[in-house]
Amino acid sequence: MGRKRATASTGALQPGVFEIDSGTCELVRDTFSDDGWVVNVNDVPSSHIDMNDPTVLEFEYMRWISGLVRAQWDSTFPLRALHLGGGACTLARSFTAEFPGARQVVVELDGKLSELVREWFDLPRAPLLRIRVGEARAVTETLSENSRDLIVRDVFAGATTPAPLLTAEFTTHVRRVLAPGGMYVVNCGDRRDLSLAKQEASTIGSIFPHTAIVADPAMLKGRRYGNIIIAGSDVPIGDSPSLARELLGGAVPAHVWLTEEVTAFARDAKVLRDQPRSTSPESTSS
């Protein structure tokens, strides 16, 4: 496979396929925008960056997450955010613009991908934005109590989120790390039966007293597969009238469900749990 190397200068970015730790990523020019670039990871669209305007979010689910966050805190809030799953750091980059006092950490498993996006794009430097290479759960478990206001989980291995990041045990770690009034937001990719989304909503609802879901109506009715945003907090979230109007006015109109509707949606779904570790033959022998 040919490999075209892009330079660090944003004006000299060149499309190409690049080796990363998990396989390959491809840098593609956005054909609909002079300033836009798309990063595909292992042939799956992962991120979109507008070089001139960090608040441009081409992926609809990112706009929904941004709307939830901006409805919860105004621009003067010194947001402390943890992003589990990095890609090109599109959402973190937008929060830097929306919340000038923000301090953010992006956890990305693929170290080479992190190096490339730092080279390609105008990402803020530490302490505004730090990229930490590591596995999302392992990093979360090391963080101090009450040390973050926002945790966003957007981690995929192929088309699925790794099972250790779905469970009540992991979500308990998330709540420990969140400060009072903090919010946990996950990007759930699901099929038309919505079985995973219901289980995720049940799991998050078992840990947080307040929940919200954002998705387009067709997805919520099981007419197609796609992304559902699920959020949890110890305070009410998603109940801003301005958020509802913003979501309805998007390119893909979306609805927001609050705790009562989320609870009804997940009523018959099981809470996801860590699988017990298998016992090796050596440990059971006498």
Protein backbone atom coordinates (compact mmCIF):
# COMPACT_ATOMS: atom_id res chain seq x y z
CA MET A 1 0.00 0.00 0.00
CA GLY A 2 1.34 3.42 -0.91
CA ARG A 3 1.99 5.81 1.94
CA LYS A 4 1.88 9.57 1.41
CA ARG A 5 3.35 11.55 4.24
CA ALA A 6 1.60 14.79 5.25
CA THR A 7 3.63 17.65 6.67
CA ALA A 8 3.02 19.44 9.95
CA SER A 9 1.96 22.61 8.15
CA THR A 10 -1.83 22.71 7.88
CA GLY A 11 -1.52 24.45 4.54
CA ALA A 12 0.48 21.49 3.20
CA LEU A 13 -1.73 18.64 4.38
CA GLN A 14 -1.94 15.90 1.78
CA PRO A 15 -4.42 13.01 1.60
CA GLY A 16 -2.91 9.63 2.21
CA VAL A 17 -2.98 6.31 4.04
CA PHE A 18 -0.84 6.02 7.15
CA GLU A 19 0.24 3.16 9.37
CA ILE A 20 -0.94 3.35 12.98
CA ASP A 21 -0.69 0.97 15.91
CA SER A 22 -4.14 -0.55 15.27
CA GLY A 23 -3.86 -0.81 11.49
CA THR A 24 -4.21 2.17 9.14
CA CYS A 25 -5.77 5.58 9.06
CA GLU A 26 -6.58 7.60 5.99
CA LEU A 27 -6.58 11.38 5.75
CA VAL A 28 -9.23 12.49 3.25
CA ARG A 29 -10.14 15.99 2.10
CA ASP A 30 -13.78 16.91 2.70
CA THR A 31 -15.22 17.36 -0.78
CA PHE A 32 -17.96 19.64 0.55
CA SER A 33 -15.67 22.06 2.41
CA ASP A 34 -12.40 23.77 1.54
CA ASP A 35 -11.37 23.68 5.21
CA GLY A 36 -12.52 20.18 6.16
CA TRP A 37 -10.67 16.90 6.58
CA VAL A 38 -11.92 13.42 7.45
CA VAL A 39 -9.90 10.79 9.30
CA ASN A 40 -10.86 7.18 8.57
CA VAL A 41 -9.50 4.52 10.92
CA ASN A 42 -9.35 1.04 9.43
CA ASP A 43 -11.77 2.19 6.71
CA VAL A 44 -14.34 3.53 9.21
CA PRO A 45 -15.03 7.31 9.39
CA SER A 46 -13.67 8.35 12.78
CA SER A 47 -13.36 12.14 12.85
CA HIS A 48 -13.98 15.32 10.91
CA ILE A 49 -11.97 18.50 11.44
CA ASP A 50 -12.70 21.99 10.12
CA MET A 51 -9.31 23.67 10.15
CA ASN A 52 -10.69 27.21 10.46
CA ASP A 53 -13.61 26.71 12.85
CA PRO A 54 -13.30 24.19 15.72
CA THR A 55 -17.00 24.57 16.57
CA VAL A 56 -18.03 22.95 13.28
CA LEU A 57 -19.14 19.40 14.11
CA GLU A 58 -20.07 17.45 11.01
CA PHE A 59 -20.96 14.25 12.86
CA GLU A 60 -24.51 14.59 14.14
CA TYR A 61 -23.93 12.65 17.35
CA MET A 62 -21.14 15.07 18.30
CA ARG A 63 -23.51 17.99 17.85
CA TRP A 64 -25.95 16.25 20.21
CA ILE A 65 -23.24 15.76 22.83
CA SER A 66 -22.14 19.37 22.45
CA GLY A 67 -25.72 20.54 22.87
CA LEU A 68 -26.14 18.57 26.09
CA VAL A 69 -22.92 19.99 27.51
CA ARG A 70 -23.62 23.60 26.53
CA ALA A 71 -27.13 23.35 27.97
CA GLN A 72 -25.63 22.24 31.30
CA TRP A 73 -22.85 24.83 31.67
CA ASP A 74 -22.26 28.28 30.26
CA SER A 75 -19.05 29.36 28.56
CA THR A 76 -17.54 30.79 31.76
CA PHE A 77 -17.53 27.41 33.49
CA PRO A 78 -13.98 26.05 33.96
CA LEU A 79 -14.89 22.67 32.48
CA ARG A 80 -12.72 19.70 33.41
CA ALA A 81 -13.38 17.10 30.74
CA LEU A 82 -12.17 13.56 30.13
CA HIS A 83 -12.66 12.09 26.66
CA LEU A 84 -12.43 8.32 26.45
CA GLY A 85 -11.64 7.71 22.80
CA GLY A 86 -9.73 10.35 20.93
CA GLY A 87 -9.65 10.09 17.16
CA ALA A 88 -8.76 13.55 15.90
CA CYS A 89 -9.94 15.18 19.16
CA THR A 90 -12.76 16.94 17.31
CA LEU A 91 -15.08 17.30 20.29
CA ALA A 92 -12.32 18.32 22.69
CA ARG A 93 -11.14 20.92 20.19
CA SER A 94 -14.66 22.35 19.97
CA PHE A 95 -15.00 22.51 23.77
CA THR A 96 -11.75 24.48 23.95
CA ALA A 97 -13.43 27.10 21.76
CA GLU A 98 -16.79 26.97 23.59
CA PHE A 99 -15.29 26.93 27.11
CA PRO A 100 -12.11 29.06 27.14
CA GLY A 101 -11.30 27.98 30.70
CA ALA A 102 -11.58 24.26 29.97
CA ARG A 103 -8.88 21.75 30.86
CA GLN A 104 -9.23 18.48 28.97
CA VAL A 105 -7.61 15.07 28.73
CA VAL A 106 -8.18 12.77 25.76
CA VAL A 107 -7.45 9.08 26.29
CA GLU A 108 -6.51 7.30 23.06
CA LEU A 109 -5.32 3.71 22.82
CA ASP A 110 -3.48 4.21 19.55
CA GLY A 111 -0.29 6.14 20.23
CA LYS A 112 0.68 6.54 16.58
CA LEU A 113 -2.74 7.97 15.72
CA SER A 114 -2.30 10.49 18.53
CA GLU A 115 1.05 11.57 17.10
CA LEU A 116 -0.42 12.03 13.64
CA VAL A 117 -3.40 14.13 14.67
CA ARG A 118 -1.11 16.33 16.78
CA GLU A 119 1.04 16.82 13.67
CA TRP A 120 -1.85 17.43 11.27
CA PHE A 121 -4.28 19.59 13.18
CA ASP A 122 -4.15 22.75 15.28
CA LEU A 123 -4.93 21.02 18.57
CA PRO A 124 -4.52 23.08 21.76
CA ARG A 125 -1.48 22.23 23.84
CA ALA A 126 -1.29 21.21 27.49
CA PRO A 127 -2.68 22.19 29.90
CA LEU A 128 -5.66 23.08 27.69
CA LEU A 129 -5.65 19.67 25.99
CA ARG A 130 -3.52 16.69 26.87
CA ILE A 131 -3.55 13.39 24.99
CA ARG A 132 -2.88 10.38 27.16
CA VAL A 133 -2.11 7.09 25.45
CA GLY A 134 -3.75 4.20 27.25
CA GLU A 135 -6.74 1.92 27.63
CA ALA A 136 -9.86 3.84 28.65
CA ARG A 137 -10.92 1.75 31.64
CA ALA A 138 -7.43 1.37 33.04
CA VAL A 139 -6.87 5.12 32.88
CA THR A 140 -10.26 5.93 34.41
CA GLU A 141 -9.61 3.64 37.36
CA THR A 142 -6.43 5.59 38.21
CA LEU A 143 -8.08 9.02 38.32
CA SER A 144 -8.81 10.91 41.53
CA GLU A 145 -12.27 11.20 43.03
CA ASN A 146 -14.30 14.29 42.04
CA SER A 147 -11.64 15.31 39.50
CA ARG A 148 -13.79 15.76 36.36
CA ASP A 149 -16.99 17.59 35.47
CA LEU A 150 -17.59 15.75 32.21
CA ILE A 151 -16.67 12.30 30.96
CA VAL A 152 -17.44 11.43 27.34
CA ARG A 153 -17.13 7.81 26.21
CA ASP A 154 -16.72 7.44 22.45
CA VAL A 155 -14.68 4.25 22.19
CA PHE A 156 -15.12 1.71 19.43
CA ALA A 157 -13.22 -1.36 18.31
CA GLY A 158 -14.63 -1.66 14.82
CA ALA A 159 -18.37 -1.10 15.17
CA THR A 160 -18.68 -2.00 18.84
CA THR A 161 -17.67 -0.55 22.20
CA PRO A 162 -15.42 -2.90 24.20
CA ALA A 163 -17.46 -4.80 26.82
CA PRO A 164 -15.42 -3.61 29.86
CA LEU A 165 -16.60 -0.04 29.15
CA LEU A 166 -20.30 -0.95 29.23
CA THR A 167 -20.71 -2.32 32.72
CA ALA A 168 -22.09 -1.08 36.01
CA GLU A 169 -18.70 -1.64 37.61
CA PHE A 170 -17.02 0.66 35.10
CA THR A 171 -19.83 3.20 35.41
CA THR A 172 -19.28 3.19 39.18
CA HIS A 173 -15.67 4.24 38.56
CA VAL A 174 -16.94 6.99 36.28
CA ARG A 175 -19.27 8.33 38.97
CA ARG A 176 -16.42 8.26 41.51
CA VAL A 177 -14.27 10.38 39.20
CA LEU A 178 -17.06 12.89 38.45
CA ALA A 179 -17.50 15.89 40.71
CA PRO A 180 -20.97 16.64 42.15
CA GLY A 181 -23.12 17.93 39.31
CA GLY A 182 -20.91 16.21 36.74
CA MET A 183 -22.19 14.40 33.67
CA TYR A 184 -21.32 11.12 31.96
CA VAL A 185 -22.14 10.93 28.24
CA VAL A 186 -21.78 7.85 26.03
CA ASN A 187 -22.07 7.31 22.31
CA CYS A 188 -23.93 4.03 21.88
CA GLY A 189 -23.92 2.51 18.41
CA ASP A 190 -26.79 0.06 18.07
CA ARG A 191 -28.95 -1.89 15.67
CA ARG A 192 -32.66 -1.59 15.03
CA ASP A 193 -33.67 -3.81 17.95
CA LEU A 194 -32.07 -1.26 20.35
CA SER A 195 -31.13 -4.06 22.74
CA LEU A 196 -27.72 -2.60 23.57
CA ALA A 197 -29.07 0.94 24.00
CA LYS A 198 -31.69 -0.36 26.43
CA GLN A 199 -29.07 -2.26 28.40
CA GLU A 200 -26.77 0.76 28.46
CA ALA A 201 -29.62 2.99 29.62
CA SER A 202 -30.49 0.47 32.31
CA THR A 203 -26.86 0.26 33.42
CA ILE A 204 -26.29 4.01 33.54
CA GLY A 205 -29.66 4.47 35.28
CA SER A 206 -28.62 2.00 37.96
CA ILE A 207 -25.70 4.28 38.91
CA PHE A 208 -27.03 7.79 38.22
CA PRO A 209 -30.42 9.09 39.46
CA HIS A 210 -30.89 11.35 36.45
CA THR A 211 -30.56 10.26 32.83
CA ALA A 212 -31.21 11.56 29.33
CA ILE A 213 -31.22 10.15 25.82
CA VAL A 214 -30.72 12.04 22.57
CA ALA A 215 -31.38 10.43 19.19
CA ASP A 216 -33.36 10.96 16.04
CA PRO A 217 -36.97 9.67 16.16
CA ALA A 218 -36.41 6.98 13.53
CA MET A 219 -33.64 5.47 15.64
CA LEU A 220 -35.73 5.57 18.81
CA LYS A 221 -38.56 3.78 16.98
CA GLY A 222 -36.22 1.02 15.79
CA ARG A 223 -36.47 1.93 12.11
CA ARG A 224 -32.74 2.06 11.48
CA TYR A 225 -29.37 1.56 13.12
CA GLY A 226 -27.13 4.39 14.25
CA ASN A 227 -26.04 6.42 17.26
CA ILE A 228 -27.90 7.03 20.50
CA ILE A 229 -26.46 9.41 23.09
CA ILE A 230 -27.10 8.35 26.69
CA ALA A 231 -26.16 10.54 29.65
CA GLY A 232 -26.25 10.24 33.42
CA SER A 233 -25.77 12.64 36.32
CA ASP A 234 -26.62 13.22 39.96
CA VAL A 235 -28.51 16.37 38.91
CA PRO A 236 -31.22 16.88 36.26
CA ILE A 237 -29.86 17.02 32.70
CA GLY A 238 -31.29 17.62 29.25
CA ASP A 239 -34.32 19.59 30.45
CA SER A 240 -33.44 22.92 28.85
CA PRO A 241 -36.10 24.19 26.38
CA SER A 242 -33.34 25.73 24.29
CA LEU A 243 -31.70 22.32 23.95
CA ALA A 244 -34.93 20.77 22.68
CA ARG A 245 -35.25 23.54 20.09
CA GLU A 246 -31.63 23.18 19.02
CA LEU A 247 -31.95 19.43 18.57
CA LEU A 248 -35.09 19.76 16.48
CA GLY A 249 -33.42 22.34 14.27
CA GLY A 250 -30.42 20.21 13.32
CA ALA A 251 -29.74 18.61 9.95
CA VAL A 252 -31.01 15.38 11.51
CA PRO A 253 -33.75 16.47 13.95
CA ALA A 254 -33.42 14.72 17.29
CA HIS A 255 -35.53 14.23 20.40
CA VAL A 256 -34.36 14.34 23.99
CA TRP A 257 -35.82 11.97 26.57
CA LEU A 258 -35.53 12.71 30.27
CA THR A 259 -35.27 10.33 33.21
CA GLU A 260 -38.87 9.08 33.22
CA GLU A 261 -38.83 8.25 29.51
CA VAL A 262 -35.36 6.71 29.73
CA THR A 263 -36.49 4.51 32.62
CA ALA A 264 -39.52 3.33 30.63
CA PHE A 265 -37.32 2.66 27.59
CA ALA A 266 -34.94 0.49 29.64
CA ARG A 267 -37.51 -1.10 31.96
CA ASP A 268 -37.05 -4.73 30.86
CA ALA A 269 -33.33 -4.51 30.04
CA LYS A 270 -30.69 -6.10 32.21
CA VAL A 271 -27.89 -4.16 33.87
CA LEU A 272 -24.58 -5.06 32.25
CA ARG A 273 -21.98 -6.51 34.62
CA ASP A 274 -18.32 -7.43 34.47
CA GLN A 275 -17.79 -11.04 33.53
CA PRO A 276 -16.21 -13.10 36.30
CA ARG A 277 -12.60 -13.89 35.65
CA SER A 278 -11.97 -17.49 34.65
CA THR A 279 -9.96 -19.54 37.12
CA SER A 280 -6.83 -21.09 35.71
CA PRO A 281 -6.23 -24.86 36.20
CA GLU A 282 -3.10 -24.06 38.17
CA SER A 283 -5.00 -21.99 40.75
CA THR A 284 -7.56 -24.77 41.36
CA SER A 285 -5.11 -27.62 41.70
CA SER A 286 -4.22 -28.80 45.19
